[in-house]
Amino acid sequence: MSGQGTNQIEVDWSAANPGLINNAVQVQASNSVGCLSPIITLNVFIYNVVLALTPIADVCETSSCINLQGSPVNGFWTGVGVFNNQFCPNISGPGTFNLTYTYSNAGCVFANVTQVNVITQPSLLPIEHN
């Protein structure tokens, strides 16, 4: 924990188990002559949100838009070629792209990334007839 001597504290909760932690933090202020405030005790709730993304197979650059799926629902997708939670390879063009799914719950933001490969459309050279 850090933040002593400030009006903010930072706590690394990454090793904590999900769920409610009663009496997780106690805060007390002091002034320059040592007078102490009453102690404030805070409970903390650790969310365990795991985002599941449906993988996207390689697609041709001329393919139609693909519906993107993530769980929990009600998140949103961002990235090159993403519009209205769809990936459109005909807009992104060929290449490898990172698509990000973001979900918010109770002021906490969670994100996960998947990649999609857009393959260049093959072309035919003129056919010569003998």
C-alpha atoms as a PDB file:
ATOM      1  CA  MET A   1       0.000   0.000   0.000  1.00  0.00           C
ATOM      2  CA  SER A   2       1.211   3.491  -0.743  1.00  0.00           C
ATOM      3  CA  GLY A   3      -0.178   6.952  -0.169  1.00  0.00           C
ATOM      4  CA  GLN A   4       0.942   7.858   3.322  1.00  0.00           C
ATOM      5  CA  GLY A   5       1.152  11.631   3.688  1.00  0.00           C
ATOM      6  CA  THR A   6      -1.307  12.258   0.828  1.00  0.00           C
ATOM      7  CA  ASN A   7      -5.059  12.356   0.335  1.00  0.00           C
ATOM      8  CA  GLN A   8      -4.900   9.194  -1.823  1.00  0.00           C
ATOM      9  CA  ILE A   9      -3.942   5.594  -1.270  1.00  0.00           C
ATOM     10  CA  GLU A  10      -3.068   2.924  -3.810  1.00  0.00           C
ATOM     11  CA  VAL A  11      -3.402  -0.756  -3.033  1.00  0.00           C
ATOM     12  CA  ASP A  12      -2.352  -3.689  -5.235  1.00  0.00           C
ATOM     13  CA  TRP A  13      -5.248  -6.138  -4.988  1.00  0.00           C
ATOM     14  CA  SER A  14      -3.954  -8.496  -7.706  1.00  0.00           C
ATOM     15  CA  ALA A  15      -3.185 -11.327  -5.243  1.00  0.00           C
ATOM     16  CA  ALA A  16      -6.552 -11.053  -3.459  1.00  0.00           C
ATOM     17  CA  ASN A  17      -9.278 -13.634  -3.967  1.00  0.00           C
ATOM     18  CA  PRO A  18     -12.521 -12.419  -5.553  1.00  0.00           C
ATOM     19  CA  GLY A  19     -15.370 -11.437  -3.281  1.00  0.00           C
ATOM     20  CA  LEU A  20     -15.946  -9.249  -0.268  1.00  0.00           C
ATOM     21  CA  ILE A  21     -13.034  -8.394   2.004  1.00  0.00           C
ATOM     22  CA  ASN A  22     -14.440  -6.993   5.234  1.00  0.00           C
ATOM     23  CA  ASN A  23     -12.326  -4.397   7.035  1.00  0.00           C
ATOM     24  CA  ALA A  24      -9.827  -4.454   4.156  1.00  0.00           C
ATOM     25  CA  VAL A  25      -8.414  -0.974   4.707  1.00  0.00           C
ATOM     26  CA  GLN A  26      -8.207   1.288   7.719  1.00  0.00           C
ATOM     27  CA  VAL A  27      -7.429   4.964   7.165  1.00  0.00           C
ATOM     28  CA  GLN A  28      -6.469   7.562   9.742  1.00  0.00           C
ATOM     29  CA  ALA A  29      -5.262  11.116   9.215  1.00  0.00           C
ATOM     30  CA  SER A  30      -2.881  13.112  11.349  1.00  0.00           C
ATOM     31  CA  ASN A  31      -1.880  16.762  11.332  1.00  0.00           C
ATOM     32  CA  SER A  32       1.496  18.437  11.866  1.00  0.00           C
ATOM     33  CA  VAL A  33       1.194  18.327  15.680  1.00  0.00           C
ATOM     34  CA  GLY A  34       0.128  14.668  15.812  1.00  0.00           C
ATOM     35  CA  CYS A  35      -3.617  14.995  16.333  1.00  0.00           C
ATOM     36  CA  LEU A  36      -5.365  11.907  14.900  1.00  0.00           C
ATOM     37  CA  SER A  37      -8.687  11.618  13.137  1.00  0.00           C
ATOM     38  CA  PRO A  38     -11.094   8.799  13.890  1.00  0.00           C
ATOM     39  CA  ILE A  39     -10.191   5.598  12.028  1.00  0.00           C
ATOM     40  CA  ILE A  40     -12.300   4.853   8.961  1.00  0.00           C
ATOM     41  CA  THR A  41     -12.608   1.184   8.020  1.00  0.00           C
ATOM     42  CA  LEU A  42     -13.426   0.247   4.428  1.00  0.00           C
ATOM     43  CA  ASN A  43     -14.740  -2.973   2.950  1.00  0.00           C
ATOM     44  CA  VAL A  44     -13.551  -3.918  -0.542  1.00  0.00           C
ATOM     45  CA  PHE A  45     -15.282  -6.075  -3.122  1.00  0.00           C
ATOM     46  CA  ILE A  46     -12.980  -7.732  -5.697  1.00  0.00           C
ATOM     47  CA  TYR A  47     -14.699  -8.491  -9.011  1.00  0.00           C
ATOM     48  CA  ASN A  48     -13.656 -11.608 -10.868  1.00  0.00           C
ATOM     49  CA  VAL A  49     -14.717 -10.798 -14.395  1.00  0.00           C
ATOM     50  CA  VAL A  50     -13.244 -13.037 -17.066  1.00  0.00           C
ATOM     51  CA  LEU A  51     -13.892 -11.874 -20.602  1.00  0.00           C
ATOM     52  CA  ALA A  52     -14.474 -14.658 -23.119  1.00  0.00           C
ATOM     53  CA  LEU A  53     -14.021 -13.813 -26.787  1.00  0.00           C
ATOM     54  CA  THR A  54     -15.133 -15.934 -29.721  1.00  0.00           C
ATOM     55  CA  PRO A  55     -12.045 -16.421 -31.936  1.00  0.00           C
ATOM     56  CA  ILE A  56     -12.177 -15.238 -35.532  1.00  0.00           C
ATOM     57  CA  ALA A  57     -10.794 -17.470 -38.277  1.00  0.00           C
ATOM     58  CA  ASP A  58      -8.679 -15.978 -41.054  1.00  0.00           C
ATOM     59  CA  VAL A  59     -10.887 -14.094 -43.519  1.00  0.00           C
ATOM     60  CA  CYS A  60     -10.545 -12.799 -47.063  1.00  0.00           C
ATOM     61  CA  GLU A  61     -10.411  -9.038 -47.493  1.00  0.00           C
ATOM     62  CA  THR A  62     -13.609  -9.199 -49.580  1.00  0.00           C
ATOM     63  CA  SER A  63     -15.594 -11.083 -46.914  1.00  0.00           C
ATOM     64  CA  SER A  64     -18.750  -9.591 -45.419  1.00  0.00           C
ATOM     65  CA  CYS A  65     -18.772  -8.037 -41.958  1.00  0.00           C
ATOM     66  CA  ILE A  66     -18.587 -10.535 -39.076  1.00  0.00           C
ATOM     67  CA  ASN A  67     -20.551 -10.220 -35.824  1.00  0.00           C
ATOM     68  CA  LEU A  68     -18.125 -10.055 -32.901  1.00  0.00           C
ATOM     69  CA  GLN A  69     -19.054 -11.934 -29.747  1.00  0.00           C
ATOM     70  CA  GLY A  70     -17.802 -11.363 -26.220  1.00  0.00           C
ATOM     71  CA  SER A  71     -18.962 -12.400 -22.788  1.00  0.00           C
ATOM     72  CA  PRO A  72     -20.272 -11.040 -20.502  1.00  0.00           C
ATOM     73  CA  VAL A  73     -22.645  -9.315 -22.920  1.00  0.00           C
ATOM     74  CA  ASN A  74     -23.134  -5.541 -23.126  1.00  0.00           C
ATOM     75  CA  GLY A  75     -19.483  -4.761 -23.772  1.00  0.00           C
ATOM     76  CA  PHE A  76     -18.205  -3.068 -26.902  1.00  0.00           C
ATOM     77  CA  TRP A  77     -15.568  -3.775 -29.545  1.00  0.00           C
ATOM     78  CA  THR A  78     -12.929  -1.403 -30.930  1.00  0.00           C
ATOM     79  CA  GLY A  79     -10.174  -1.710 -33.510  1.00  0.00           C
ATOM     80  CA  VAL A  80      -9.407  -1.180 -37.176  1.00  0.00           C
ATOM     81  CA  GLY A  81     -12.403  -2.245 -39.261  1.00  0.00           C
ATOM     82  CA  VAL A  82     -14.786  -2.456 -36.268  1.00  0.00           C
ATOM     83  CA  PHE A  83     -18.200  -0.803 -36.587  1.00  0.00           C
ATOM     84  CA  ASN A  84     -21.269  -1.500 -34.410  1.00  0.00           C
ATOM     85  CA  ASN A  85     -19.646  -4.604 -32.852  1.00  0.00           C
ATOM     86  CA  GLN A  86     -18.880  -6.058 -36.285  1.00  0.00           C
ATOM     87  CA  PHE A  87     -15.500  -6.555 -37.944  1.00  0.00           C
ATOM     88  CA  CYS A  88     -15.515  -5.582 -41.620  1.00  0.00           C
ATOM     89  CA  PRO A  89     -12.488  -6.959 -43.509  1.00  0.00           C
ATOM     90  CA  ASN A  90     -13.518  -5.060 -46.638  1.00  0.00           C
ATOM     91  CA  ILE A  91     -12.900  -1.862 -44.628  1.00  0.00           C
ATOM     92  CA  SER A  92      -9.788  -2.943 -42.691  1.00  0.00           C
ATOM     93  CA  GLY A  93      -7.989  -4.287 -45.743  1.00  0.00           C
ATOM     94  CA  PRO A  94      -5.395  -7.066 -45.515  1.00  0.00           C
ATOM     95  CA  GLY A  95      -3.193  -7.518 -42.442  1.00  0.00           C
ATOM     96  CA  THR A  96      -3.302  -8.635 -38.815  1.00  0.00           C
ATOM     97  CA  PHE A  97      -5.437  -6.551 -36.490  1.00  0.00           C
ATOM     98  CA  ASN A  98      -5.964  -6.428 -32.722  1.00  0.00           C
ATOM     99  CA  LEU A  99      -9.619  -6.171 -31.727  1.00  0.00           C
ATOM    100  CA  THR A 100     -10.406  -5.143 -28.149  1.00  0.00           C
ATOM    101  CA  TYR A 101     -13.519  -6.106 -26.182  1.00  0.00           C
ATOM    102  CA  THR A 102     -14.236  -3.775 -23.253  1.00  0.00           C
ATOM    103  CA  TYR A 103     -16.770  -4.424 -20.511  1.00  0.00           C
ATOM    104  CA  SER A 104     -17.682  -2.166 -17.567  1.00  0.00           C
ATOM    105  CA  ASN A 105     -19.360  -3.112 -14.299  1.00  0.00           C
ATOM    106  CA  ALA A 106     -19.880  -0.892 -11.247  1.00  0.00           C
ATOM    107  CA  GLY A 107     -17.207   1.562 -12.376  1.00  0.00           C
ATOM    108  CA  CYS A 108     -14.618  -1.162 -13.067  1.00  0.00           C
ATOM    109  CA  VAL A 109     -13.374  -1.583 -16.640  1.00  0.00           C
ATOM    110  CA  PHE A 110     -12.157  -4.908 -18.059  1.00  0.00           C
ATOM    111  CA  ALA A 111     -10.635  -5.488 -21.506  1.00  0.00           C
ATOM    112  CA  ASN A 112      -9.363  -8.398 -23.588  1.00  0.00           C
ATOM    113  CA  VAL A 113      -7.797  -8.543 -27.059  1.00  0.00           C
ATOM    114  CA  THR A 114      -8.091 -11.010 -29.927  1.00  0.00           C
ATOM    115  CA  GLN A 115      -6.413 -10.934 -33.322  1.00  0.00           C
ATOM    116  CA  VAL A 116      -7.845 -11.375 -36.779  1.00  0.00           C
ATOM    117  CA  ASN A 117      -5.898 -12.060 -39.978  1.00  0.00           C
ATOM    118  CA  VAL A 118      -7.277 -10.609 -43.166  1.00  0.00           C
ATOM    119  CA  ILE A 119      -5.878 -12.359 -46.230  1.00  0.00           C
ATOM    120  CA  THR A 120      -5.293 -10.538 -49.510  1.00  0.00           C
ATOM    121  CA  GLN A 121      -7.672 -11.505 -52.294  1.00  0.00           C
ATOM    122  CA  PRO A 122      -5.825 -13.564 -54.908  1.00  0.00           C
ATOM    123  CA  SER A 123      -5.616 -12.176 -58.398  1.00  0.00           C
ATOM    124  CA  LEU A 124      -5.433 -13.870 -61.752  1.00  0.00           C
ATOM    125  CA  LEU A 125      -3.026 -12.846 -64.436  1.00  0.00           C
ATOM    126  CA  PRO A 126      -4.467 -12.584 -67.915  1.00  0.00           C
ATOM    127  CA  ILE A 127      -4.903 -16.006 -69.470  1.00  0.00           C
ATOM    128  CA  GLU A 128      -3.290 -16.392 -72.854  1.00  0.00           C
ATOM    129  CA  HIS A 129      -4.839 -18.670 -75.383  1.00  0.00           C
ATOM    130  CA  ASN A 130      -2.640 -20.489 -77.893  1.00  0.00           C
END
